[in-house]
Amino acid sequence: TEMFYDQEYKYHNLQELTQAIEEYIEYYNNERIKSRLKGLTPKEYRSQASINPIF
């Protein structure tokens, strides 16, 4: 994934890797805008979908 692109040997132990993964998940779900989600973050899209169900 983009998190690991060109990051070989960046993490020195499992704790560093785990922390980086947790931070990336937080970023991906709450900050990263996705064009296929109409310019919303995944969190915003899910919130909007729960307010306006499609069925």
PDB file of N, CA and C in Angstrom:
ATOM      1  N   THR A   1       0.830  -1.185   0.000  1.00  0.00           N
ATOM      2  CA  THR A   1       0.000   0.000   0.000  1.00  0.00           C
ATOM      3  C   THR A   1       0.872   1.244   0.000  1.00  0.00           C
ATOM      4  N   GLU A   2       0.231   2.379  -0.146  1.00  0.00           N
ATOM      5  CA  GLU A   2       0.985   3.636  -0.173  1.00  0.00           C
ATOM      6  C   GLU A   2       1.733   3.900   1.125  1.00  0.00           C
ATOM      7  N   MET A   3       1.264   3.340   2.227  1.00  0.00           N
ATOM      8  CA  MET A   3       1.950   3.533   3.507  1.00  0.00           C
ATOM      9  C   MET A   3       3.360   2.948   3.473  1.00  0.00           C
ATOM     10  N   PHE A   4       3.523   1.841   2.780  1.00  0.00           N
ATOM     11  CA  PHE A   4       4.802   1.143   2.780  1.00  0.00           C
ATOM     12  C   PHE A   4       5.669   1.449   1.564  1.00  0.00           C
ATOM     13  N   TYR A   5       5.148   2.200   0.611  1.00  0.00           N
ATOM     14  CA  TYR A   5       5.913   2.498  -0.588  1.00  0.00           C
ATOM     15  C   TYR A   5       7.210   3.218  -0.229  1.00  0.00           C
ATOM     16  N   ASP A   6       8.303   2.689  -0.658  1.00  0.00           N
ATOM     17  CA  ASP A   6       9.632   3.266  -0.446  1.00  0.00           C
ATOM     18  C   ASP A   6       9.968   3.444   1.043  1.00  0.00           C
ATOM     19  N   GLN A   7       9.490   2.537   1.889  1.00  0.00           N
ATOM     20  CA  GLN A   7       9.721   2.632   3.332  1.00  0.00           C
ATOM     21  C   GLN A   7      10.470   1.419   3.876  1.00  0.00           C
ATOM     22  N   GLU A   8      11.190   0.714   3.033  1.00  0.00           N
ATOM     23  CA  GLU A   8      11.899  -0.481   3.469  1.00  0.00           C
ATOM     24  C   GLU A   8      12.844  -0.165   4.629  1.00  0.00           C
ATOM     25  N   TYR A   9      12.772  -0.954   5.664  1.00  0.00           N
ATOM     26  CA  TYR A   9      13.628  -0.847   6.849  1.00  0.00           C
ATOM     27  C   TYR A   9      13.374   0.415   7.688  1.00  0.00           C
ATOM     28  N   LYS A  10      12.252   1.055   7.517  1.00  0.00           N
ATOM     29  CA  LYS A  10      11.948   2.240   8.313  1.00  0.00           C
ATOM     30  C   LYS A  10      11.613   1.869   9.756  1.00  0.00           C
ATOM     31  N   TYR A  11      10.990   0.731   9.948  1.00  0.00           N
ATOM     32  CA  TYR A  11      10.540   0.324  11.278  1.00  0.00           C
ATOM     33  C   TYR A  11      11.553  -0.636  11.883  1.00  0.00           C
ATOM     34  N   HIS A  12      11.999  -0.334  13.077  1.00  0.00           N
ATOM     35  CA  HIS A  12      13.060  -1.105  13.713  1.00  0.00           C
ATOM     36  C   HIS A  12      12.549  -2.248  14.574  1.00  0.00           C
ATOM     37  N   ASN A  13      11.268  -2.199  14.922  1.00  0.00           N
ATOM     38  CA  ASN A  13      10.710  -3.281  15.731  1.00  0.00           C
ATOM     39  C   ASN A  13       9.198  -3.342  15.513  1.00  0.00           C
ATOM     40  N   LEU A  14       8.591  -4.356  16.066  1.00  0.00           N
ATOM     41  CA  LEU A  14       7.158  -4.575  15.879  1.00  0.00           C
ATOM     42  C   LEU A  14       6.331  -3.436  16.467  1.00  0.00           C
ATOM     43  N   GLN A  15       6.760  -2.879  17.569  1.00  0.00           N
ATOM     44  CA  GLN A  15       6.024  -1.779  18.198  1.00  0.00           C
ATOM     45  C   GLN A  15       5.963  -0.555  17.274  1.00  0.00           C
ATOM     46  N   GLU A  16       7.061  -0.218  16.627  1.00  0.00           N
ATOM     47  CA  GLU A  16       7.078   0.907  15.688  1.00  0.00           C
ATOM     48  C   GLU A  16       6.156   0.644  14.508  1.00  0.00           C
ATOM     49  N   LEU A  17       6.189  -0.569  13.993  1.00  0.00           N
ATOM     50  CA  LEU A  17       5.325  -0.923  12.875  1.00  0.00           C
ATOM     51  C   LEU A  17       3.859  -0.868  13.278  1.00  0.00           C
ATOM     52  N   THR A  18       3.529  -1.411  14.438  1.00  0.00           N
ATOM     53  CA  THR A  18       2.153  -1.397  14.925  1.00  0.00           C
ATOM     54  C   THR A  18       1.653   0.034  15.086  1.00  0.00           C
ATOM     55  N   GLN A  19       2.464   0.894  15.660  1.00  0.00           N
ATOM     56  CA  GLN A  19       2.090   2.301  15.846  1.00  0.00           C
ATOM     57  C   GLN A  19       1.852   2.977  14.495  1.00  0.00           C
ATOM     58  N   ALA A  20       2.720   2.713  13.537  1.00  0.00           N
ATOM     59  CA  ALA A  20       2.580   3.313  12.211  1.00  0.00           C
ATOM     60  C   ALA A  20       1.298   2.847  11.534  1.00  0.00           C
ATOM     61  N   ILE A  21       0.962   1.575  11.675  1.00  0.00           N
ATOM     62  CA  ILE A  21      -0.267   1.046  11.079  1.00  0.00           C
ATOM     63  C   ILE A  21      -1.485   1.698  11.720  1.00  0.00           C
ATOM     64  N   GLU A  22      -1.491   1.812  13.035  1.00  0.00           N
ATOM     65  CA  GLU A  22      -2.616   2.445  13.731  1.00  0.00           C
ATOM     66  C   GLU A  22      -2.788   3.901  13.297  1.00  0.00           C
ATOM     67  N   GLU A  23      -1.689   4.626  13.162  1.00  0.00           N
ATOM     68  CA  GLU A  23      -1.753   6.020  12.723  1.00  0.00           C
ATOM     69  C   GLU A  23      -2.257   6.122  11.286  1.00  0.00           C
ATOM     70  N   TYR A  24      -1.833   5.199  10.429  1.00  0.00           N
ATOM     71  CA  TYR A  24      -2.277   5.235   9.043  1.00  0.00           C
ATOM     72  C   TYR A  24      -3.765   4.918   8.935  1.00  0.00           C
ATOM     73  N   ILE A  25      -4.242   3.962   9.703  1.00  0.00           N
ATOM     74  CA  ILE A  25      -5.672   3.636   9.695  1.00  0.00           C
ATOM     75  C   ILE A  25      -6.485   4.852  10.129  1.00  0.00           C
ATOM     76  N   GLU A  26      -6.030   5.533  11.162  1.00  0.00           N
ATOM     77  CA  GLU A  26      -6.698   6.757  11.632  1.00  0.00           C
ATOM     78  C   GLU A  26      -6.727   7.806  10.514  1.00  0.00           C
ATOM     79  N   TYR A  27      -5.598   8.022   9.871  1.00  0.00           N
ATOM     80  CA  TYR A  27      -5.512   8.977   8.764  1.00  0.00           C
ATOM     81  C   TYR A  27      -6.435   8.566   7.614  1.00  0.00           C
ATOM     82  N   TYR A  28      -6.372   7.316   7.222  1.00  0.00           N
ATOM     83  CA  TYR A  28      -7.138   6.834   6.076  1.00  0.00           C
ATOM     84  C   TYR A  28      -8.634   6.990   6.307  1.00  0.00           C
ATOM     85  N   ASN A  29      -9.108   6.651   7.488  1.00  0.00           N
ATOM     86  CA  ASN A  29     -10.539   6.692   7.770  1.00  0.00           C
ATOM     87  C   ASN A  29     -11.069   8.088   8.063  1.00  0.00           C
ATOM     88  N   ASN A  30     -10.230   8.973   8.585  1.00  0.00           N
ATOM     89  CA  ASN A  30     -10.733  10.252   9.072  1.00  0.00           C
ATOM     90  C   ASN A  30     -10.234  11.486   8.337  1.00  0.00           C
ATOM     91  N   GLU A  31      -9.181  11.363   7.543  1.00  0.00           N
ATOM     92  CA  GLU A  31      -8.614  12.547   6.897  1.00  0.00           C
ATOM     93  C   GLU A  31      -8.453  12.411   5.384  1.00  0.00           C
ATOM     94  N   ARG A  32      -8.139  11.237   4.909  1.00  0.00           N
ATOM     95  CA  ARG A  32      -7.812  11.042   3.493  1.00  0.00           C
ATOM     96  C   ARG A  32      -9.080  11.113   2.647  1.00  0.00           C
ATOM     97  N   ILE A  33      -9.135  12.084   1.767  1.00  0.00           N
ATOM     98  CA  ILE A  33     -10.293  12.269   0.893  1.00  0.00           C
ATOM     99  C   ILE A  33     -10.197  11.285  -0.265  1.00  0.00           C
ATOM    100  N   LYS A  34     -11.315  10.635  -0.567  1.00  0.00           N
ATOM    101  CA  LYS A  34     -11.372   9.655  -1.653  1.00  0.00           C
ATOM    102  C   LYS A  34     -12.275  10.192  -2.760  1.00  0.00           C
ATOM    103  N   SER A  35     -11.774  10.277  -3.973  1.00  0.00           N
ATOM    104  CA  SER A  35     -12.584  10.784  -5.080  1.00  0.00           C
ATOM    105  C   SER A  35     -13.760   9.859  -5.383  1.00  0.00           C
ATOM    106  N   ARG A  36     -13.573   8.560  -5.226  1.00  0.00           N
ATOM    107  CA  ARG A  36     -14.685   7.650  -5.521  1.00  0.00           C
ATOM    108  C   ARG A  36     -15.770   7.678  -4.441  1.00  0.00           C
ATOM    109  N   LEU A  37     -15.486   8.357  -3.329  1.00  0.00           N
ATOM    110  CA  LEU A  37     -16.502   8.553  -2.288  1.00  0.00           C
ATOM    111  C   LEU A  37     -17.031   9.985  -2.347  1.00  0.00           C
ATOM    112  N   LYS A  38     -16.992  10.564  -3.542  1.00  0.00           N
ATOM    113  CA  LYS A  38     -17.512  11.906  -3.798  1.00  0.00           C
ATOM    114  C   LYS A  38     -16.773  12.975  -2.999  1.00  0.00           C
ATOM    115  N   GLY A  39     -15.473  12.805  -2.835  1.00  0.00           N
ATOM    116  CA  GLY A  39     -14.653  13.792  -2.153  1.00  0.00           C
ATOM    117  C   GLY A  39     -14.754  13.772  -0.642  1.00  0.00           C
ATOM    118  N   LEU A  40     -15.313  12.710  -0.094  1.00  0.00           N
ATOM    119  CA  LEU A  40     -15.457  12.579   1.350  1.00  0.00           C
ATOM    120  C   LEU A  40     -14.423  11.606   1.896  1.00  0.00           C
ATOM    121  N   THR A  41     -14.186  11.685   3.192  1.00  0.00           N
ATOM    122  CA  THR A  41     -13.376  10.668   3.851  1.00  0.00           C
ATOM    123  C   THR A  41     -14.265   9.449   4.067  1.00  0.00           C
ATOM    124  N   PRO A  42     -13.701   8.259   4.282  1.00  0.00           N
ATOM    125  CA  PRO A  42     -14.542   7.092   4.551  1.00  0.00           C
ATOM    126  C   PRO A  42     -15.490   7.304   5.738  1.00  0.00           C
ATOM    127  N   LYS A  43     -15.023   7.966   6.776  1.00  0.00           N
ATOM    128  CA  LYS A  43     -15.875   8.228   7.940  1.00  0.00           C
ATOM    129  C   LYS A  43     -17.048   9.129   7.563  1.00  0.00           C
ATOM    130  N   GLU A  44     -16.780  10.195   6.810  1.00  0.00           N
ATOM    131  CA  GLU A  44     -17.848  11.096   6.379  1.00  0.00           C
ATOM    132  C   GLU A  44     -18.843  10.371   5.482  1.00  0.00           C
ATOM    133  N   TYR A  45     -18.345   9.536   4.591  1.00  0.00           N
ATOM    134  CA  TYR A  45     -19.205   8.800   3.671  1.00  0.00           C
ATOM    135  C   TYR A  45     -20.122   7.840   4.424  1.00  0.00           C
ATOM    136  N   ARG A  46     -19.561   7.093   5.387  1.00  0.00           N
ATOM    137  CA  ARG A  46     -20.382   6.175   6.184  1.00  0.00           C
ATOM    138  C   ARG A  46     -21.427   6.936   6.986  1.00  0.00           C
ATOM    139  N   SER A  47     -21.038   8.066   7.538  1.00  0.00           N
ATOM    140  CA  SER A  47     -21.970   8.877   8.314  1.00  0.00           C
ATOM    141  C   SER A  47     -23.105   9.374   7.430  1.00  0.00           C
ATOM    142  N   GLN A  48     -22.778   9.845   6.251  1.00  0.00           N
ATOM    143  CA  GLN A  48     -23.784  10.327   5.312  1.00  0.00           C
ATOM    144  C   GLN A  48     -24.704   9.192   4.863  1.00  0.00           C
ATOM    145  N   ALA A  49     -24.130   8.027   4.630  1.00  0.00           N
ATOM    146  CA  ALA A  49     -24.928   6.876   4.196  1.00  0.00           C
ATOM    147  C   ALA A  49     -25.896   6.430   5.284  1.00  0.00           C
ATOM    148  N   SER A  50     -25.504   6.554   6.544  1.00  0.00           N
ATOM    149  CA  SER A  50     -26.407   6.143   7.623  1.00  0.00           C
ATOM    150  C   SER A  50     -27.543   7.141   7.806  1.00  0.00           C
ATOM    151  N   ILE A  51     -27.326   8.396   7.414  1.00  0.00           N
ATOM    152  CA  ILE A  51     -28.378   9.411   7.504  1.00  0.00           C
ATOM    153  C   ILE A  51     -29.326   9.305   6.317  1.00  0.00           C
ATOM    154  N   ASN A  52     -28.785   8.987   5.144  1.00  0.00           N
ATOM    155  CA  ASN A  52     -29.567   8.911   3.904  1.00  0.00           C
ATOM    156  C   ASN A  52     -29.437   7.527   3.285  1.00  0.00           C
ATOM    157  N   PRO A  53     -30.115   6.518   3.832  1.00  0.00           N
ATOM    158  CA  PRO A  53     -29.988   5.171   3.254  1.00  0.00           C
ATOM    159  C   PRO A  53     -30.492   5.140   1.815  1.00  0.00           C
ATOM    160  N   ILE A  54     -29.916   4.254   1.010  1.00  0.00           N
ATOM    161  CA  ILE A  54     -30.258   4.195  -0.413  1.00  0.00           C
ATOM    162  C   ILE A  54     -31.491   3.357  -0.703  1.00  0.00           C
ATOM    163  N   PHE A  55     -32.033   2.671   0.266  1.00  0.00           N
ATOM    164  CA  PHE A  55     -33.219   1.848   0.010  1.00  0.00           C
ATOM    165  C   PHE A  55     -34.447   2.431   0.623  1.00  0.00           C
TER     166      PHE A  55
END
